[in-house]
Amino acid sequence: MKFARLGLLAFLSLVFASLFLSAGPAPAVLAQQPTPADDEVNAIAQELFCPVCENVPLDVCPTEACRQWRELIRQMLAEGKSEEEIQQYFVENYGARVLSEPPREGINWLVYVVPPLAFLGGAYLLFRAFRTWQRLAREPEAEAGSGSAPAAPPEDEYAARFEAELKKRK
């Protein structure tokens, strides 16, 4: 019985020792990243145009190449890359033409400046035209209300005959 107790004590000692030693720093276990949803992939893909097809957003392009690029976006998202990094990757490989919005640098800044300036210029021209039209519309009223003599008949022979014909028809 003494030996049974000793064996049990040795067994328990080994169990506690192994638990104690295994409780040290655990090895790093990499958890599998969750696969990004289609909505996350399409949110980035709709900001990019297909490098092969003309003027077709990457999220709706039916080609096999675009399907592969969407999978590449999914993979890059799973790796933890940001939207800007993914867009930069596509710009480096396929040029700035893949972006749905041109970068705000160089001559591209004109795309952002010219339309508002053209709109403001057009609004100013319309404002000036309306003021001129209103002024011209008021001038005959002012002349008619001043009590001056009616305008002299036109001196052109054709215009005089036209006026006479109009009077006959009344």
C-alpha atoms as a PDB file:
ATOM      1  CA  MET A   1       0.000   0.000   0.000  1.00  0.00           C
ATOM      2  CA  LYS A   2       2.911   2.257   0.651  1.00  0.00           C
ATOM      3  CA  PHE A   3       4.059   1.673  -2.883  1.00  0.00           C
ATOM      4  CA  ALA A   4       0.611   2.491  -4.243  1.00  0.00           C
ATOM      5  CA  ARG A   5       0.643   5.788  -2.398  1.00  0.00           C
ATOM      6  CA  LEU A   6       4.086   6.544  -3.628  1.00  0.00           C
ATOM      7  CA  GLY A   7       3.085   5.734  -7.200  1.00  0.00           C
ATOM      8  CA  LEU A   8      -0.002   7.919  -6.895  1.00  0.00           C
ATOM      9  CA  LEU A   9       2.082  10.771  -5.469  1.00  0.00           C
ATOM     10  CA  ALA A  10       4.650  10.406  -8.257  1.00  0.00           C
ATOM     11  CA  PHE A  11       1.871  10.323 -10.826  1.00  0.00           C
ATOM     12  CA  LEU A  12       0.219  13.472  -9.393  1.00  0.00           C
ATOM     13  CA  SER A  13       3.610  15.205  -9.195  1.00  0.00           C
ATOM     14  CA  LEU A  14       4.211  14.476 -12.851  1.00  0.00           C
ATOM     15  CA  VAL A  15       0.766  15.780 -13.795  1.00  0.00           C
ATOM     16  CA  PHE A  16       1.250  19.011 -11.828  1.00  0.00           C
ATOM     17  CA  ALA A  17       4.771  19.470 -13.200  1.00  0.00           C
ATOM     18  CA  SER A  18       3.601  19.008 -16.760  1.00  0.00           C
ATOM     19  CA  LEU A  19       0.724  21.449 -16.202  1.00  0.00           C
ATOM     20  CA  PHE A  20       3.094  23.961 -14.643  1.00  0.00           C
ATOM     21  CA  LEU A  21       5.590  23.709 -17.475  1.00  0.00           C
ATOM     22  CA  SER A  22       2.948  23.855 -20.168  1.00  0.00           C
ATOM     23  CA  ALA A  23       1.404  26.983 -18.614  1.00  0.00           C
ATOM     24  CA  GLY A  24       4.390  29.026 -19.814  1.00  0.00           C
ATOM     25  CA  PRO A  25       4.240  31.277 -22.828  1.00  0.00           C
ATOM     26  CA  ALA A  26       1.960  29.707 -25.360  1.00  0.00           C
ATOM     27  CA  PRO A  27       3.167  29.491 -28.946  1.00  0.00           C
ATOM     28  CA  ALA A  28       1.568  31.995 -31.259  1.00  0.00           C
ATOM     29  CA  VAL A  29      -1.391  30.529 -33.033  1.00  0.00           C
ATOM     30  CA  LEU A  30      -2.500  32.446 -36.059  1.00  0.00           C
ATOM     31  CA  ALA A  31      -6.213  32.612 -36.359  1.00  0.00           C
ATOM     32  CA  GLN A  32      -7.556  32.551 -39.861  1.00  0.00           C
ATOM     33  CA  GLN A  33      -8.734  35.995 -40.917  1.00  0.00           C
ATOM     34  CA  PRO A  34     -12.430  36.171 -41.693  1.00  0.00           C
ATOM     35  CA  THR A  35     -13.083  36.313 -45.411  1.00  0.00           C
ATOM     36  CA  PRO A  36     -14.213  39.817 -46.401  1.00  0.00           C
ATOM     37  CA  ALA A  37     -17.841  40.019 -47.488  1.00  0.00           C
ATOM     38  CA  ASP A  38     -18.848  40.724 -51.078  1.00  0.00           C
ATOM     39  CA  ASP A  39     -20.119  44.148 -49.998  1.00  0.00           C
ATOM     40  CA  GLU A  40     -16.676  45.100 -48.691  1.00  0.00           C
ATOM     41  CA  VAL A  41     -15.025  43.938 -51.898  1.00  0.00           C
ATOM     42  CA  ASN A  42     -17.600  45.695 -54.095  1.00  0.00           C
ATOM     43  CA  ALA A  43     -17.273  48.933 -52.110  1.00  0.00           C
ATOM     44  CA  ILE A  44     -13.659  49.117 -53.275  1.00  0.00           C
ATOM     45  CA  ALA A  45     -14.276  47.580 -56.712  1.00  0.00           C
ATOM     46  CA  GLN A  46     -16.899  50.196 -57.598  1.00  0.00           C
ATOM     47  CA  GLU A  47     -14.257  52.887 -57.121  1.00  0.00           C
ATOM     48  CA  LEU A  48     -12.083  51.221 -59.753  1.00  0.00           C
ATOM     49  CA  PHE A  49     -12.624  50.778 -63.484  1.00  0.00           C
ATOM     50  CA  CYS A  50     -11.791  47.621 -65.361  1.00  0.00           C
ATOM     51  CA  PRO A  51      -8.346  48.034 -66.973  1.00  0.00           C
ATOM     52  CA  VAL A  52      -9.456  45.849 -69.914  1.00  0.00           C
ATOM     53  CA  CYS A  53     -13.028  47.019 -70.583  1.00  0.00           C
ATOM     54  CA  GLU A  54     -13.713  50.652 -71.391  1.00  0.00           C
ATOM     55  CA  ASN A  55     -15.696  52.634 -68.770  1.00  0.00           C
ATOM     56  CA  VAL A  56     -16.963  49.594 -66.848  1.00  0.00           C
ATOM     57  CA  PRO A  57     -16.699  49.605 -63.037  1.00  0.00           C
ATOM     58  CA  LEU A  58     -14.790  46.642 -61.664  1.00  0.00           C
ATOM     59  CA  ASP A  59     -17.668  45.541 -59.422  1.00  0.00           C
ATOM     60  CA  VAL A  60     -20.042  44.860 -62.352  1.00  0.00           C
ATOM     61  CA  CYS A  61     -17.634  43.793 -65.086  1.00  0.00           C
ATOM     62  CA  PRO A  62     -18.426  40.217 -66.186  1.00  0.00           C
ATOM     63  CA  THR A  63     -14.970  39.302 -67.532  1.00  0.00           C
ATOM     64  CA  GLU A  64     -12.787  36.613 -65.983  1.00  0.00           C
ATOM     65  CA  ALA A  65     -10.006  39.141 -65.441  1.00  0.00           C
ATOM     66  CA  CYS A  66     -12.307  41.333 -63.334  1.00  0.00           C
ATOM     67  CA  ARG A  67     -13.425  38.325 -61.303  1.00  0.00           C
ATOM     68  CA  GLN A  68      -9.757  37.611 -60.580  1.00  0.00           C
ATOM     69  CA  TRP A  69      -9.149  41.264 -59.642  1.00  0.00           C
ATOM     70  CA  ARG A  70     -12.112  41.165 -57.251  1.00  0.00           C
ATOM     71  CA  GLU A  71     -10.604  38.038 -55.657  1.00  0.00           C
ATOM     72  CA  LEU A  72      -7.294  39.900 -55.413  1.00  0.00           C
ATOM     73  CA  ILE A  73      -9.093  42.723 -53.605  1.00  0.00           C
ATOM     74  CA  ARG A  74     -10.685  40.151 -51.266  1.00  0.00           C
ATOM     75  CA  GLN A  75      -7.248  38.637 -50.563  1.00  0.00           C
ATOM     76  CA  MET A  76      -5.692  42.050 -49.922  1.00  0.00           C
ATOM     77  CA  LEU A  77      -8.519  42.945 -47.527  1.00  0.00           C
ATOM     78  CA  ALA A  78      -7.977  39.641 -45.689  1.00  0.00           C
ATOM     79  CA  GLU A  79      -4.307  40.572 -45.354  1.00  0.00           C
ATOM     80  CA  GLY A  80      -5.385  43.789 -43.644  1.00  0.00           C
ATOM     81  CA  LYS A  81      -4.614  46.268 -46.412  1.00  0.00           C
ATOM     82  CA  SER A  82      -6.574  49.522 -46.511  1.00  0.00           C
ATOM     83  CA  GLU A  83      -8.675  50.836 -49.381  1.00  0.00           C
ATOM     84  CA  GLU A  84      -5.988  53.395 -50.245  1.00  0.00           C
ATOM     85  CA  GLU A  85      -3.300  50.705 -50.393  1.00  0.00           C
ATOM     86  CA  ILE A  86      -5.434  48.561 -52.692  1.00  0.00           C
ATOM     87  CA  GLN A  87      -6.187  51.508 -54.981  1.00  0.00           C
ATOM     88  CA  GLN A  88      -2.495  52.423 -55.019  1.00  0.00           C
ATOM     89  CA  TYR A  89      -1.656  48.835 -56.054  1.00  0.00           C
ATOM     90  CA  PHE A  90      -4.026  49.053 -59.026  1.00  0.00           C
ATOM     91  CA  VAL A  91      -2.710  52.515 -60.012  1.00  0.00           C
ATOM     92  CA  GLU A  92       0.883  51.262 -59.907  1.00  0.00           C
ATOM     93  CA  ASN A  93       0.038  48.249 -62.075  1.00  0.00           C
ATOM     94  CA  TYR A  94      -2.561  49.690 -64.485  1.00  0.00           C
ATOM     95  CA  GLY A  95      -2.232  53.477 -64.328  1.00  0.00           C
ATOM     96  CA  ALA A  96      -4.448  56.251 -62.953  1.00  0.00           C
ATOM     97  CA  ARG A  97      -7.123  55.499 -65.558  1.00  0.00           C
ATOM     98  CA  VAL A  98      -8.456  52.689 -63.321  1.00  0.00           C
ATOM     99  CA  LEU A  99      -9.598  55.206 -60.698  1.00  0.00           C
ATOM    100  CA  SER A 100     -13.206  56.366 -60.879  1.00  0.00           C
ATOM    101  CA  GLU A 101     -12.089  59.744 -59.562  1.00  0.00           C
ATOM    102  CA  PRO A 102      -8.887  61.269 -60.990  1.00  0.00           C
ATOM    103  CA  PRO A 103      -6.190  62.082 -58.448  1.00  0.00           C
ATOM    104  CA  ARG A 104      -6.189  65.715 -57.320  1.00  0.00           C
ATOM    105  CA  GLU A 105      -2.753  66.560 -58.564  1.00  0.00           C
ATOM    106  CA  GLY A 106      -1.108  67.944 -61.665  1.00  0.00           C
ATOM    107  CA  ILE A 107      -3.439  68.999 -64.444  1.00  0.00           C
ATOM    108  CA  ASN A 108      -6.228  66.819 -63.015  1.00  0.00           C
ATOM    109  CA  TRP A 109      -7.087  69.582 -60.540  1.00  0.00           C
ATOM    110  CA  LEU A 110      -8.774  71.377 -63.448  1.00  0.00           C
ATOM    111  CA  VAL A 111     -11.501  68.714 -63.364  1.00  0.00           C
ATOM    112  CA  TYR A 112     -12.429  69.957 -59.904  1.00  0.00           C
ATOM    113  CA  VAL A 113     -12.016  73.701 -60.502  1.00  0.00           C
ATOM    114  CA  VAL A 114     -13.362  74.387 -64.006  1.00  0.00           C
ATOM    115  CA  PRO A 115     -16.976  73.098 -63.615  1.00  0.00           C
ATOM    116  CA  PRO A 116     -17.792  75.248 -60.551  1.00  0.00           C
ATOM    117  CA  LEU A 117     -16.167  78.280 -62.184  1.00  0.00           C
ATOM    118  CA  ALA A 118     -18.133  77.679 -65.398  1.00  0.00           C
ATOM    119  CA  PHE A 119     -21.350  77.361 -63.391  1.00  0.00           C
ATOM    120  CA  LEU A 120     -20.681  80.613 -61.512  1.00  0.00           C
ATOM    121  CA  GLY A 121     -19.753  82.388 -64.761  1.00  0.00           C
ATOM    122  CA  GLY A 122     -22.957  81.177 -66.443  1.00  0.00           C
ATOM    123  CA  ALA A 123     -25.046  82.277 -63.455  1.00  0.00           C
ATOM    124  CA  TYR A 124     -23.436  85.729 -63.599  1.00  0.00           C
ATOM    125  CA  LEU A 125     -24.120  86.031 -67.355  1.00  0.00           C
ATOM    126  CA  LEU A 126     -27.765  85.027 -66.870  1.00  0.00           C
ATOM    127  CA  PHE A 127     -28.126  87.561 -64.050  1.00  0.00           C
ATOM    128  CA  ARG A 128     -26.742  90.333 -66.255  1.00  0.00           C
ATOM    129  CA  ALA A 129     -28.969  89.273 -69.188  1.00  0.00           C
ATOM    130  CA  PHE A 130     -32.116  89.284 -67.029  1.00  0.00           C
ATOM    131  CA  ARG A 131     -31.296  92.755 -65.700  1.00  0.00           C
ATOM    132  CA  THR A 132     -30.755  94.041 -69.255  1.00  0.00           C
ATOM    133  CA  TRP A 133     -34.035  92.494 -70.455  1.00  0.00           C
ATOM    134  CA  GLN A 134     -35.919  94.034 -67.547  1.00  0.00           C
ATOM    135  CA  ARG A 135     -34.433  97.463 -68.280  1.00  0.00           C
ATOM    136  CA  LEU A 136     -35.336  97.175 -71.970  1.00  0.00           C
ATOM    137  CA  ALA A 137     -38.884  96.108 -71.080  1.00  0.00           C
ATOM    138  CA  ARG A 138     -39.314  99.155 -68.811  1.00  0.00           C
ATOM    139  CA  GLU A 139     -38.091 101.720 -71.380  1.00  0.00           C
ATOM    140  CA  PRO A 140     -41.121 101.483 -73.767  1.00  0.00           C
ATOM    141  CA  GLU A 141     -43.467 101.719 -70.776  1.00  0.00           C
ATOM    142  CA  ALA A 142     -41.700 104.853 -69.610  1.00  0.00           C
ATOM    143  CA  GLU A 143     -41.897 106.382 -73.088  1.00  0.00           C
ATOM    144  CA  ALA A 144     -45.615 105.589 -73.421  1.00  0.00           C
ATOM    145  CA  GLY A 145     -46.389 107.036 -70.013  1.00  0.00           C
ATOM    146  CA  SER A 146     -44.488 110.296 -70.608  1.00  0.00           C
ATOM    147  CA  GLY A 147     -47.215 111.676 -72.914  1.00  0.00           C
ATOM    148  CA  SER A 148     -44.891 112.363 -75.792  1.00  0.00           C
ATOM    149  CA  ALA A 149     -46.064 112.115 -79.395  1.00  0.00           C
ATOM    150  CA  PRO A 150     -46.289 108.679 -80.914  1.00  0.00           C
ATOM    151  CA  ALA A 151     -43.294 107.490 -82.769  1.00  0.00           C
ATOM    152  CA  ALA A 152     -42.923 108.773 -86.306  1.00  0.00           C
ATOM    153  CA  PRO A 153     -43.956 106.343 -88.989  1.00  0.00           C
ATOM    154  CA  PRO A 154     -41.111 104.417 -90.511  1.00  0.00           C
ATOM    155  CA  GLU A 155     -39.438 106.098 -93.439  1.00  0.00           C
ATOM    156  CA  ASP A 156     -38.850 102.870 -95.292  1.00  0.00           C
ATOM    157  CA  GLU A 157     -41.273 102.403 -98.194  1.00  0.00           C
ATOM    158  CA  TYR A 158     -41.719  98.701 -97.526  1.00  0.00           C
ATOM    159  CA  ALA A 159     -42.424  99.313 -93.840  1.00  0.00           C
ATOM    160  CA  ALA A 160     -44.956 102.045 -94.762  1.00  0.00           C
ATOM    161  CA  ARG A 161     -46.833  99.704 -97.080  1.00  0.00           C
ATOM    162  CA  PHE A 162     -46.789  96.999 -94.421  1.00  0.00           C
ATOM    163  CA  GLU A 163     -48.286  99.412 -91.859  1.00  0.00           C
ATOM    164  CA  ALA A 164     -51.001 100.410 -94.357  1.00  0.00           C
ATOM    165  CA  GLU A 165     -51.923  96.805 -95.005  1.00  0.00           C
ATOM    166  CA  LEU A 166     -52.214  96.138 -91.292  1.00  0.00           C
ATOM    167  CA  LYS A 167     -54.544  99.107 -90.848  1.00  0.00           C
ATOM    168  CA  LYS A 168     -56.783  97.877 -93.696  1.00  0.00           C
ATOM    169  CA  ARG A 169     -57.226  94.496 -92.035  1.00  0.00           C
ATOM    170  CA  LYS A 170     -58.511  95.948 -88.783  1.00  0.00           C
END
